Amino acid sequence: FKIEYSGSELYEKNLYDNSPLTNPHLN
């Protein structure tokens, strides 16, 4: 569908320090 997205915002991050998770779910 040609949906553009930001890779950094597309996945959930660590709630404590906002760092990337090892196996993140989609945001």
PDB file of all heavy atoms in Angstrom:
ATOM      1  N   PHE A   1       0.816  -1.221   0.000  1.00  0.00           N
ATOM      2  CA  PHE A   1       0.000   0.000   0.000  1.00  0.00           C
ATOM      3  C   PHE A   1       0.851   1.273   0.000  1.00  0.00           C
ATOM      4  O   PHE A   1       0.313   2.370   0.133  1.00  0.00           O
ATOM      5  CB  PHE A   1      -0.932   0.014   1.215  1.00  0.00           C
ATOM      6  CG  PHE A   1      -2.058  -0.987   1.136  1.00  0.00           C
ATOM      7  CD1 PHE A   1      -2.134  -2.027   2.046  1.00  0.00           C
ATOM      8  CD2 PHE A   1      -3.025  -0.885   0.156  1.00  0.00           C
ATOM      9  CE1 PHE A   1      -3.166  -2.950   1.993  1.00  0.00           C
ATOM     10  CE2 PHE A   1      -4.068  -1.813   0.086  1.00  0.00           C
ATOM     11  CZ  PHE A   1      -4.133  -2.849   1.005  1.00  0.00           C
ATOM     12  N   LYS A   2       2.175   1.097  -0.092  1.00  0.00           N
ATOM     13  CA  LYS A   2       3.100   2.235  -0.099  1.00  0.00           C
ATOM     14  C   LYS A   2       2.941   3.095   1.157  1.00  0.00           C
ATOM     15  O   LYS A   2       2.853   4.325   1.102  1.00  0.00           O
ATOM     16  CB  LYS A   2       2.918   3.069  -1.367  1.00  0.00           C
ATOM     17  CG  LYS A   2       3.264   2.304  -2.640  1.00  0.00           C
ATOM     18  CD  LYS A   2       3.057   3.166  -3.884  1.00  0.00           C
ATOM     19  CE  LYS A   2       3.579   2.460  -5.137  1.00  0.00           C
ATOM     20  NZ  LYS A   2       3.004   1.119  -5.345  1.00  0.00           N
ATOM     21  N   ILE A   3       2.903   2.417   2.296  1.00  0.00           N
ATOM     22  CA  ILE A   3       2.808   3.103   3.577  1.00  0.00           C
ATOM     23  C   ILE A   3       4.217   3.412   4.069  1.00  0.00           C
ATOM     24  O   ILE A   3       5.030   2.509   4.276  1.00  0.00           O
ATOM     25  CB  ILE A   3       2.066   2.228   4.617  1.00  0.00           C
ATOM     26  CG1 ILE A   3       0.617   1.998   4.169  1.00  0.00           C
ATOM     27  CG2 ILE A   3       2.106   2.874   6.001  1.00  0.00           C
ATOM     28  CD1 ILE A   3      -0.157   1.040   5.059  1.00  0.00           C
ATOM     29  N   GLU A   4       4.495   4.671   4.253  1.00  0.00           N
ATOM     30  CA  GLU A   4       5.803   5.080   4.747  1.00  0.00           C
ATOM     31  C   GLU A   4       5.797   5.076   6.277  1.00  0.00           C
ATOM     32  O   GLU A   4       4.796   5.357   6.917  1.00  0.00           O
ATOM     33  CB  GLU A   4       6.144   6.482   4.236  1.00  0.00           C
ATOM     34  CG  GLU A   4       6.222   6.560   2.712  1.00  0.00           C
ATOM     35  CD  GLU A   4       6.482   7.980   2.230  1.00  0.00           C
ATOM     36  OE1 GLU A   4       6.550   8.881   3.098  1.00  0.00           O
ATOM     37  OE2 GLU A   4       6.603   8.180   1.014  1.00  0.00           O
ATOM     38  N   TYR A   5       6.942   4.744   6.838  1.00  0.00           N
ATOM     39  CA  TYR A   5       7.033   4.715   8.286  1.00  0.00           C
ATOM     40  C   TYR A   5       8.466   4.967   8.721  1.00  0.00           C
ATOM     41  O   TYR A   5       9.403   4.814   7.951  1.00  0.00           O
ATOM     42  CB  TYR A   5       6.548   3.378   8.838  1.00  0.00           C
ATOM     43  CG  TYR A   5       7.312   2.180   8.312  1.00  0.00           C
ATOM     44  CD1 TYR A   5       8.485   1.745   8.941  1.00  0.00           C
ATOM     45  CD2 TYR A   5       6.873   1.500   7.178  1.00  0.00           C
ATOM     46  CE1 TYR A   5       9.188   0.662   8.441  1.00  0.00           C
ATOM     47  CE2 TYR A   5       7.576   0.419   6.685  1.00  0.00           C
ATOM     48  CZ  TYR A   5       8.723  -0.003   7.320  1.00  0.00           C
ATOM     49  OH  TYR A   5       9.419  -1.072   6.834  1.00  0.00           O
ATOM     50  N   SER A   6       8.610   5.351   9.977  1.00  0.00           N
ATOM     51  CA  SER A   6       9.928   5.562  10.571  1.00  0.00           C
ATOM     52  C   SER A   6      10.324   4.315  11.330  1.00  0.00           C
ATOM     53  O   SER A   6       9.622   3.913  12.266  1.00  0.00           O
ATOM     54  CB  SER A   6       9.883   6.765  11.519  1.00  0.00           C
ATOM     55  OG  SER A   6      11.066   6.836  12.261  1.00  0.00           O
ATOM     56  N   GLY A   7      11.419   3.703  10.931  1.00  0.00           N
ATOM     57  CA  GLY A   7      11.835   2.459  11.570  1.00  0.00           C
ATOM     58  C   GLY A   7      12.049   2.584  13.058  1.00  0.00           C
ATOM     59  O   GLY A   7      11.741   1.680  13.823  1.00  0.00           O
ATOM     60  N   SER A   8      12.577   3.733  13.521  1.00  0.00           N
ATOM     61  CA  SER A   8      12.852   3.889  14.949  1.00  0.00           C
ATOM     62  C   SER A   8      11.576   3.993  15.777  1.00  0.00           C
ATOM     63  O   SER A   8      11.560   3.656  16.952  1.00  0.00           O
ATOM     64  CB  SER A   8      13.715   5.135  15.184  1.00  0.00           C
ATOM     65  OG  SER A   8      13.037   6.294  14.722  1.00  0.00           O
ATOM     66  N   GLU A   9      10.496   4.472  15.171  1.00  0.00           N
ATOM     67  CA  GLU A   9       9.246   4.645  15.904  1.00  0.00           C
ATOM     68  C   GLU A   9       8.287   3.479  15.690  1.00  0.00           C
ATOM     69  O   GLU A   9       7.243   3.419  16.324  1.00  0.00           O
ATOM     70  CB  GLU A   9       8.558   5.935  15.466  1.00  0.00           C
ATOM     71  CG  GLU A   9       9.353   7.194  15.752  1.00  0.00           C
ATOM     72  CD  GLU A   9       8.669   8.436  15.240  1.00  0.00           C
ATOM     73  OE1 GLU A   9       7.583   8.296  14.636  1.00  0.00           O
ATOM     74  OE2 GLU A   9       9.207   9.532  15.438  1.00  0.00           O
ATOM     75  N   LEU A  10       8.636   2.581  14.826  1.00  0.00           N
ATOM     76  CA  LEU A  10       7.731   1.489  14.479  1.00  0.00           C
ATOM     77  C   LEU A  10       7.753   0.369  15.507  1.00  0.00           C
ATOM     78  O   LEU A  10       6.840  -0.437  15.566  1.00  0.00           O
ATOM     79  CB  LEU A  10       8.093   0.944  13.096  1.00  0.00           C
ATOM     80  CG  LEU A  10       7.131  -0.059  12.470  1.00  0.00           C
ATOM     81  CD1 LEU A  10       5.747   0.555  12.284  1.00  0.00           C
ATOM     82  CD2 LEU A  10       7.673  -0.549  11.132  1.00  0.00           C
ATOM     83  N   TYR A  11       8.775   0.314  16.329  1.00  0.00           N
ATOM     84  CA  TYR A  11       8.901  -0.763  17.302  1.00  0.00           C
ATOM     85  C   TYR A  11       8.895  -0.205  18.720  1.00  0.00           C
ATOM     86  O   TYR A  11       9.338   0.919  18.975  1.00  0.00           O
ATOM     87  CB  TYR A  11      10.206  -1.542  17.069  1.00  0.00           C
ATOM     88  CG  TYR A  11      10.195  -2.338  15.786  1.00  0.00           C
ATOM     89  CD1 TYR A  11      10.735  -1.813  14.619  1.00  0.00           C
ATOM     90  CD2 TYR A  11       9.625  -3.605  15.741  1.00  0.00           C
ATOM     91  CE1 TYR A  11      10.714  -2.527  13.437  1.00  0.00           C
ATOM     92  CE2 TYR A  11       9.600  -4.332  14.565  1.00  0.00           C
ATOM     93  CZ  TYR A  11      10.144  -3.792  13.416  1.00  0.00           C
ATOM     94  OH  TYR A  11      10.115  -4.516  12.253  1.00  0.00           O
ATOM     95  N   GLU A  12       8.391  -1.021  19.638  1.00  0.00           N
ATOM     96  CA  GLU A  12       8.399  -0.629  21.037  1.00  0.00           C
ATOM     97  C   GLU A  12       9.828  -0.553  21.555  1.00  0.00           C
ATOM     98  O   GLU A  12      10.710  -1.270  21.087  1.00  0.00           O
ATOM     99  CB  GLU A  12       7.599  -1.636  21.874  1.00  0.00           C
ATOM    100  CG  GLU A  12       6.112  -1.622  21.583  1.00  0.00           C
ATOM    101  CD  GLU A  12       5.349  -2.599  22.453  1.00  0.00           C
ATOM    102  OE1 GLU A  12       6.001  -3.461  23.070  1.00  0.00           O
ATOM    103  OE2 GLU A  12       4.112  -2.493  22.510  1.00  0.00           O
ATOM    104  N   LYS A  13      10.023   0.320  22.554  1.00  0.00           N
ATOM    105  CA  LYS A  13      11.350   0.468  23.151  1.00  0.00           C
ATOM    106  C   LYS A  13      11.286   0.152  24.643  1.00  0.00           C
ATOM    107  O   LYS A  13      10.214   0.035  25.236  1.00  0.00           O
ATOM    108  CB  LYS A  13      11.871   1.889  22.932  1.00  0.00           C
ATOM    109  CG  LYS A  13      12.195   2.201  21.477  1.00  0.00           C
ATOM    110  CD  LYS A  13      12.823   3.580  21.335  1.00  0.00           C
ATOM    111  CE  LYS A  13      13.228   3.849  19.898  1.00  0.00           C
ATOM    112  NZ  LYS A  13      13.876   5.177  19.748  1.00  0.00           N
ATOM    113  N   ASN A  14      12.459   0.014  25.242  1.00  0.00           N
ATOM    114  CA  ASN A  14      12.569  -0.230  26.673  1.00  0.00           C
ATOM    115  C   ASN A  14      11.931   0.928  27.440  1.00  0.00           C
ATOM    116  O   ASN A  14      12.278   2.096  27.225  1.00  0.00           O
ATOM    117  CB  ASN A  14      14.043  -0.369  27.059  1.00  0.00           C
ATOM    118  CG  ASN A  14      14.215  -0.930  28.454  1.00  0.00           C
ATOM    119  OD1 ASN A  14      13.613  -0.446  29.400  1.00  0.00           O
ATOM    120  ND2 ASN A  14      15.038  -1.968  28.572  1.00  0.00           N
ATOM    121  N   LEU A  15      10.984   0.601  28.336  1.00  0.00           N
ATOM    122  CA  LEU A  15      10.266   1.643  29.068  1.00  0.00           C
ATOM    123  C   LEU A  15      11.176   2.406  30.029  1.00  0.00           C
ATOM    124  O   LEU A  15      10.876   3.534  30.414  1.00  0.00           O
ATOM    125  CB  LEU A  15       9.105   1.018  29.848  1.00  0.00           C
ATOM    126  CG  LEU A  15       7.957   0.436  29.012  1.00  0.00           C
ATOM    127  CD1 LEU A  15       6.932  -0.230  29.916  1.00  0.00           C
ATOM    128  CD2 LEU A  15       7.292   1.531  28.188  1.00  0.00           C
ATOM    129  N   TYR A  16      12.281   1.782  30.426  1.00  0.00           N
ATOM    130  CA  TYR A  16      13.140   2.399  31.434  1.00  0.00           C
ATOM    131  C   TYR A  16      14.127   3.399  30.834  1.00  0.00           C
ATOM    132  O   TYR A  16      14.343   4.477  31.373  1.00  0.00           O
ATOM    133  CB  TYR A  16      13.890   1.308  32.206  1.00  0.00           C
ATOM    134  CG  TYR A  16      12.967   0.395  32.957  1.00  0.00           C
ATOM    135  CD1 TYR A  16      12.651  -0.865  32.455  1.00  0.00           C
ATOM    136  CD2 TYR A  16      12.378   0.789  34.162  1.00  0.00           C
ATOM    137  CE1 TYR A  16      11.788  -1.708  33.136  1.00  0.00           C
ATOM    138  CE2 TYR A  16      11.513  -0.043  34.846  1.00  0.00           C
ATOM    139  CZ  TYR A  16      11.215  -1.295  34.335  1.00  0.00           C
ATOM    140  OH  TYR A  16      10.349  -2.124  35.001  1.00  0.00           O
ATOM    141  N   ASP A  17      14.752   3.047  29.700  1.00  0.00           N
ATOM    142  CA  ASP A  17      15.766   3.950  29.147  1.00  0.00           C
ATOM    143  C   ASP A  17      15.566   4.262  27.663  1.00  0.00           C
ATOM    144  O   ASP A  17      16.429   4.840  27.014  1.00  0.00           O
ATOM    145  CB  ASP A  17      17.164   3.369  29.360  1.00  0.00           C
ATOM    146  CG  ASP A  17      17.327   1.995  28.709  1.00  0.00           C
ATOM    147  OD1 ASP A  17      16.430   1.577  27.949  1.00  0.00           O
ATOM    148  OD2 ASP A  17      18.352   1.336  28.974  1.00  0.00           O
ATOM    149  N   ASN A  18      14.389   3.845  27.109  1.00  0.00           N
ATOM    150  CA  ASN A  18      14.035   4.125  25.709  1.00  0.00           C
ATOM    151  C   ASN A  18      15.013   3.496  24.713  1.00  0.00           C
ATOM    152  O   ASN A  18      15.128   3.930  23.569  1.00  0.00           O
ATOM    153  CB  ASN A  18      13.980   5.633  25.457  1.00  0.00           C
ATOM    154  CG  ASN A  18      13.063   5.986  24.298  1.00  0.00           C
ATOM    155  OD1 ASN A  18      12.019   5.348  24.107  1.00  0.00           O
ATOM    156  ND2 ASN A  18      13.426   6.983  23.511  1.00  0.00           N
ATOM    157  N   SER A  19      15.700   2.435  25.156  1.00  0.00           N
ATOM    158  CA  SER A  19      16.639   1.735  24.271  1.00  0.00           C
ATOM    159  C   SER A  19      15.909   0.666  23.469  1.00  0.00           C
ATOM    160  O   SER A  19      14.836   0.193  23.868  1.00  0.00           O
ATOM    161  CB  SER A  19      17.759   1.091  25.094  1.00  0.00           C
ATOM    162  OG  SER A  19      17.216   0.117  25.978  1.00  0.00           O
ATOM    163  N   PRO A  20      16.464   0.245  22.320  1.00  0.00           N
ATOM    164  CA  PRO A  20      15.821  -0.806  21.516  1.00  0.00           C
ATOM    165  C   PRO A  20      15.747  -2.128  22.281  1.00  0.00           C
ATOM    166  O   PRO A  20      16.646  -2.466  23.057  1.00  0.00           O
ATOM    167  CB  PRO A  20      16.746  -0.923  20.300  1.00  0.00           C
ATOM    168  CG  PRO A  20      17.476   0.372  20.242  1.00  0.00           C
ATOM    169  CD  PRO A  20      17.656   0.801  21.664  1.00  0.00           C
ATOM    170  N   LEU A  21      14.674  -2.872  22.060  1.00  0.00           N
ATOM    171  CA  LEU A  21      14.508  -4.186  22.673  1.00  0.00           C
ATOM    172  C   LEU A  21      15.100  -5.255  21.765  1.00  0.00           C
ATOM    173  O   LEU A  21      15.224  -5.068  20.558  1.00  0.00           O
ATOM    174  CB  LEU A  21      13.028  -4.466  22.925  1.00  0.00           C
ATOM    175  CG  LEU A  21      12.313  -3.523  23.903  1.00  0.00           C
ATOM    176  CD1 LEU A  21      10.807  -3.766  23.862  1.00  0.00           C
ATOM    177  CD2 LEU A  21      12.834  -3.718  25.317  1.00  0.00           C
ATOM    178  N   THR A  22      15.439  -6.412  22.353  1.00  0.00           N
ATOM    179  CA  THR A  22      16.045  -7.498  21.575  1.00  0.00           C
ATOM    180  C   THR A  22      15.054  -8.063  20.557  1.00  0.00           C
ATOM    181  O   THR A  22      15.368  -8.225  19.381  1.00  0.00           O
ATOM    182  CB  THR A  22      16.525  -8.617  22.511  1.00  0.00           C
ATOM    183  OG1 THR A  22      17.418  -8.069  23.478  1.00  0.00           O
ATOM    184  CG2 THR A  22      17.240  -9.703  21.717  1.00  0.00           C
ATOM    185  N   ASN A  23      13.834  -8.386  20.997  1.00  0.00           N
ATOM    186  CA  ASN A  23      12.785  -8.899  20.109  1.00  0.00           C
ATOM    187  C   ASN A  23      11.537  -8.024  20.260  1.00  0.00           C
ATOM    188  O   ASN A  23      10.551  -8.442  20.879  1.00  0.00           O
ATOM    189  CB  ASN A  23      12.467 -10.359  20.437  1.00  0.00           C
ATOM    190  CG  ASN A  23      13.625 -11.279  20.150  1.00  0.00           C
ATOM    191  OD1 ASN A  23      14.100 -11.355  19.018  1.00  0.00           O
ATOM    192  ND2 ASN A  23      14.088 -11.996  21.174  1.00  0.00           N
ATOM    193  N   PRO A  24      11.578  -6.833  19.714  1.00  0.00           N
ATOM    194  CA  PRO A  24      10.482  -5.888  19.969  1.00  0.00           C
ATOM    195  C   PRO A  24       9.219  -6.215  19.181  1.00  0.00           C
ATOM    196  O   PRO A  24       9.272  -6.772  18.085  1.00  0.00           O
ATOM    197  CB  PRO A  24      11.073  -4.564  19.502  1.00  0.00           C
ATOM    198  CG  PRO A  24      12.018  -4.942  18.413  1.00  0.00           C
ATOM    199  CD  PRO A  24      12.612  -6.262  18.837  1.00  0.00           C
ATOM    200  N   HIS A  25       8.077  -5.869  19.784  1.00  0.00           N
ATOM    201  CA  HIS A  25       6.814  -5.891  19.061  1.00  0.00           C
ATOM    202  C   HIS A  25       6.693  -4.593  18.269  1.00  0.00           C
ATOM    203  O   HIS A  25       7.364  -3.597  18.558  1.00  0.00           O
ATOM    204  CB  HIS A  25       5.637  -5.991  20.034  1.00  0.00           C
ATOM    205  CG  HIS A  25       5.527  -7.313  20.702  1.00  0.00           C
ATOM    206  ND1 HIS A  25       4.699  -7.535  21.773  1.00  0.00           N
ATOM    207  CD2 HIS A  25       6.131  -8.498  20.453  1.00  0.00           C
ATOM    208  CE1 HIS A  25       4.802  -8.792  22.165  1.00  0.00           C
ATOM    209  NE2 HIS A  25       5.660  -9.388  21.380  1.00  0.00           N
ATOM    210  N   LEU A  26       5.803  -4.601  17.306  1.00  0.00           N
ATOM    211  CA  LEU A  26       5.463  -3.352  16.642  1.00  0.00           C
ATOM    212  C   LEU A  26       4.874  -2.372  17.640  1.00  0.00           C
ATOM    213  O   LEU A  26       4.205  -2.766  18.602  1.00  0.00           O
ATOM    214  CB  LEU A  26       4.435  -3.608  15.533  1.00  0.00           C
ATOM    215  CG  LEU A  26       4.913  -4.326  14.271  1.00  0.00           C
ATOM    216  CD1 LEU A  26       3.710  -4.701  13.409  1.00  0.00           C
ATOM    217  CD2 LEU A  26       5.876  -3.461  13.481  1.00  0.00           C
ATOM    218  N   ASN A  27       5.131  -1.113  17.424  1.00  0.00           N
ATOM    219  CA  ASN A  27       4.455  -0.073  18.182  1.00  0.00           C
ATOM    220  C   ASN A  27       3.094   0.116  17.515  1.00  0.00           C
ATOM    221  O   ASN A  27       2.978   0.765  16.472  1.00  0.00           O
ATOM    222  CB  ASN A  27       5.265   1.223  18.145  1.00  0.00           C
ATOM    223  CG  ASN A  27       4.615   2.343  18.941  1.00  0.00           C
ATOM    224  OD1 ASN A  27       3.401   2.393  19.094  1.00  0.00           O
ATOM    225  ND2 ASN A  27       5.436   3.252  19.440  1.00  0.00           N
TER     226      ASN A  27
END
